[in-house]
Amino acid sequence: MQLNEALSLLVTQHDEIETLLVDISAATSPAIRTQALSELADKLTLHLAIEQEILYPAADPLISGDVRAEVAAEHQEIKRVLADLIWLEHEDQRFARKLVSLQNLLQWHEAWQEAELFERVARGLPAPRLEALGHEVSGWLDRSQFAFAA
């Protein structure tokens, strides 16, 4: 099944966020690590906002209340760990553990979305709603100063 524009953009964002996490892990220079972490914070924050404000409301009839509550809690935890990373010094022993924690959270998050949620949305929403969803996501990205690859 072909993903529509909105879902394809979200998958692209997942890939870019994953690449930034790898860059942060591999960085030996504090300046490079700081730059990658700053970019991650900007892009991940935008990505989570798009999911919360556009994707999840559109998918609301397709997921249970328990799943909605779990996803909201997951977003909160992702934001908490990201905030911890931003405030920790790179030399702090907790930095590496927090980075691994964020990677694990995002890995599960992305896997569930791409394997289950996006499939439900692609099959469960009418074509005009999917097209409108694509325009909404594109509009948010166009208005953002934090560019994702298209």
Protein backbone atom coordinates (compact mmCIF):
# COMPACT_ATOMS: atom_id res chain seq x y z
CA MET A 1 0.00 0.00 0.00
CA GLN A 2 1.22 3.47 -0.88
CA LEU A 3 1.43 5.94 1.96
CA ASN A 4 -0.10 9.30 1.29
CA GLU A 5 1.89 12.52 1.46
CA ALA A 6 1.34 13.17 5.18
CA LEU A 7 2.39 9.68 6.24
CA SER A 8 5.38 9.71 3.91
CA LEU A 9 6.52 13.02 5.41
CA LEU A 10 6.25 11.58 8.91
CA VAL A 11 8.31 8.53 7.91
CA THR A 12 10.95 10.87 6.44
CA GLN A 13 10.99 12.77 9.73
CA HIS A 14 11.45 9.50 11.64
CA ASP A 15 14.46 8.70 9.45
CA GLU A 16 16.01 12.15 9.95
CA ILE A 17 15.50 12.02 13.71
CA GLU A 18 17.11 8.58 13.82
CA THR A 19 20.09 9.89 11.83
CA LEU A 20 20.52 12.78 14.26
CA LEU A 21 20.51 10.35 17.20
CA VAL A 22 23.28 8.36 15.51
CA ASP A 23 25.21 11.58 14.84
CA ILE A 24 24.95 12.58 18.50
CA SER A 25 26.12 9.14 19.62
CA ALA A 26 29.08 9.16 17.25
CA ALA A 27 30.16 12.78 17.76
CA THR A 28 33.55 13.16 19.36
CA SER A 29 33.54 16.96 19.20
CA PRO A 30 31.40 18.77 21.79
CA ALA A 31 30.54 21.44 19.18
CA ILE A 32 29.29 18.88 16.67
CA ARG A 33 27.34 17.04 19.36
CA THR A 34 25.79 20.30 20.58
CA GLN A 35 24.78 21.28 17.04
CA ALA A 36 23.23 17.85 16.35
CA LEU A 37 21.42 17.90 19.70
CA SER A 38 20.03 21.36 18.98
CA GLU A 39 18.80 20.23 15.57
CA LEU A 40 17.30 17.09 17.13
CA ALA A 41 15.45 19.16 19.73
CA ASP A 42 13.98 21.44 17.07
CA LYS A 43 12.97 18.68 14.68
CA LEU A 44 11.68 16.28 17.30
CA THR A 45 9.58 19.00 18.93
CA LEU A 46 8.04 19.92 15.58
CA HIS A 47 7.45 16.27 14.73
CA LEU A 48 5.70 15.55 18.02
CA ALA A 49 3.55 18.67 17.61
CA ILE A 50 2.46 17.57 14.13
CA GLU A 51 1.53 14.16 15.48
CA GLN A 52 -0.39 15.60 18.43
CA GLU A 53 -2.16 18.39 16.57
CA ILE A 54 -2.81 16.76 13.18
CA LEU A 55 -2.22 13.00 13.02
CA TYR A 56 -3.73 11.81 16.29
CA PRO A 57 -6.93 13.84 15.98
CA ALA A 58 -7.38 12.47 12.45
CA ALA A 59 -6.73 8.92 13.69
CA ASP A 60 -8.95 9.33 16.76
CA PRO A 61 -11.83 7.19 15.45
CA LEU A 62 -9.36 4.46 14.48
CA ILE A 63 -7.66 3.93 17.86
CA SER A 64 -8.91 3.08 21.32
CA GLY A 65 -8.90 5.39 24.32
CA ASP A 66 -6.23 3.23 25.94
CA VAL A 67 -3.97 3.65 22.92
CA ARG A 68 -4.55 7.42 22.89
CA ALA A 69 -3.61 7.60 26.57
CA GLU A 70 -0.49 5.49 26.01
CA VAL A 71 0.62 7.63 23.07
CA ALA A 72 0.12 10.83 25.11
CA ALA A 73 2.17 9.39 27.97
CA GLU A 74 4.84 8.28 25.50
CA HIS A 75 5.09 11.80 24.05
CA GLN A 76 5.48 13.21 27.56
CA GLU A 77 8.30 10.78 28.33
CA ILE A 78 10.06 11.57 25.04
CA LYS A 79 9.89 15.29 25.86
CA ARG A 80 11.18 14.70 29.41
CA VAL A 81 14.18 12.68 28.22
CA LEU A 82 14.93 15.23 25.48
CA ALA A 83 14.84 18.04 28.07
CA ASP A 84 17.20 16.07 30.30
CA LEU A 85 19.63 15.65 27.41
CA ILE A 86 19.58 19.35 26.65
CA TRP A 87 20.40 20.28 30.24
CA LEU A 88 23.06 17.65 30.88
CA GLU A 89 26.69 18.34 30.15
CA HIS A 90 28.01 16.02 27.46
CA GLU A 91 30.65 14.72 29.85
CA ASP A 92 27.99 13.79 32.41
CA GLN A 93 27.77 10.02 32.73
CA ARG A 94 23.99 10.24 32.57
CA PHE A 95 24.11 11.75 29.05
CA ALA A 96 24.85 8.46 27.31
CA ARG A 97 22.16 6.63 29.31
CA LYS A 98 19.58 9.31 28.52
CA LEU A 99 20.51 9.21 24.85
CA VAL A 100 20.03 5.43 24.77
CA SER A 101 16.72 5.88 26.59
CA LEU A 102 15.56 8.39 23.97
CA GLN A 103 16.69 6.11 21.15
CA ASN A 104 14.71 3.22 22.65
CA LEU A 105 11.59 5.32 23.16
CA LEU A 106 11.71 6.64 19.62
CA GLN A 107 12.47 3.25 18.11
CA TRP A 108 9.33 1.74 19.63
CA HIS A 109 7.32 4.87 18.80
CA GLU A 110 8.35 4.83 15.14
CA ALA A 111 7.93 1.07 14.76
CA TRP A 112 4.38 1.14 16.13
CA GLN A 113 3.38 4.12 14.02
CA GLU A 114 4.84 2.82 10.79
CA ALA A 115 3.63 -0.77 11.24
CA GLU A 116 0.20 -0.15 12.74
CA LEU A 117 -1.03 3.42 13.01
CA PHE A 118 -0.11 4.57 9.52
CA GLU A 119 -1.69 1.43 8.07
CA ARG A 120 -4.93 2.11 9.98
CA VAL A 121 -4.95 5.73 8.85
CA ALA A 122 -4.23 4.85 5.20
CA ARG A 123 -7.00 2.23 5.16
CA GLY A 124 -9.47 3.85 7.52
CA LEU A 125 -9.70 7.44 6.32
CA PRO A 126 -11.41 8.45 3.09
CA ALA A 127 -9.17 9.72 0.29
CA PRO A 128 -10.27 13.37 0.64
CA ARG A 129 -9.45 13.31 4.37
CA LEU A 130 -6.05 11.76 3.66
CA GLU A 131 -5.35 14.45 1.08
CA ALA A 132 -6.36 17.18 3.54
CA LEU A 133 -4.10 15.56 6.15
CA GLY A 134 -1.20 15.80 3.70
CA HIS A 135 -1.88 19.49 3.14
CA GLU A 136 -2.06 20.13 6.89
CA VAL A 137 1.27 18.43 7.55
CA SER A 138 2.90 20.17 4.58
CA GLY A 139 1.54 23.50 5.77
CA TRP A 140 3.04 23.05 9.23
CA LEU A 141 6.38 22.12 7.68
CA ASP A 142 6.27 25.04 5.24
CA ARG A 143 5.67 27.48 8.11
CA SER A 144 8.41 25.99 10.25
CA GLN A 145 11.96 27.28 10.32
CA PHE A 146 13.19 23.72 10.96
CA ALA A 147 13.46 22.08 7.58
CA PHE A 148 13.00 18.37 7.09
CA ALA A 149 13.94 16.73 3.82
CA ALA A 150 10.95 16.34 1.55
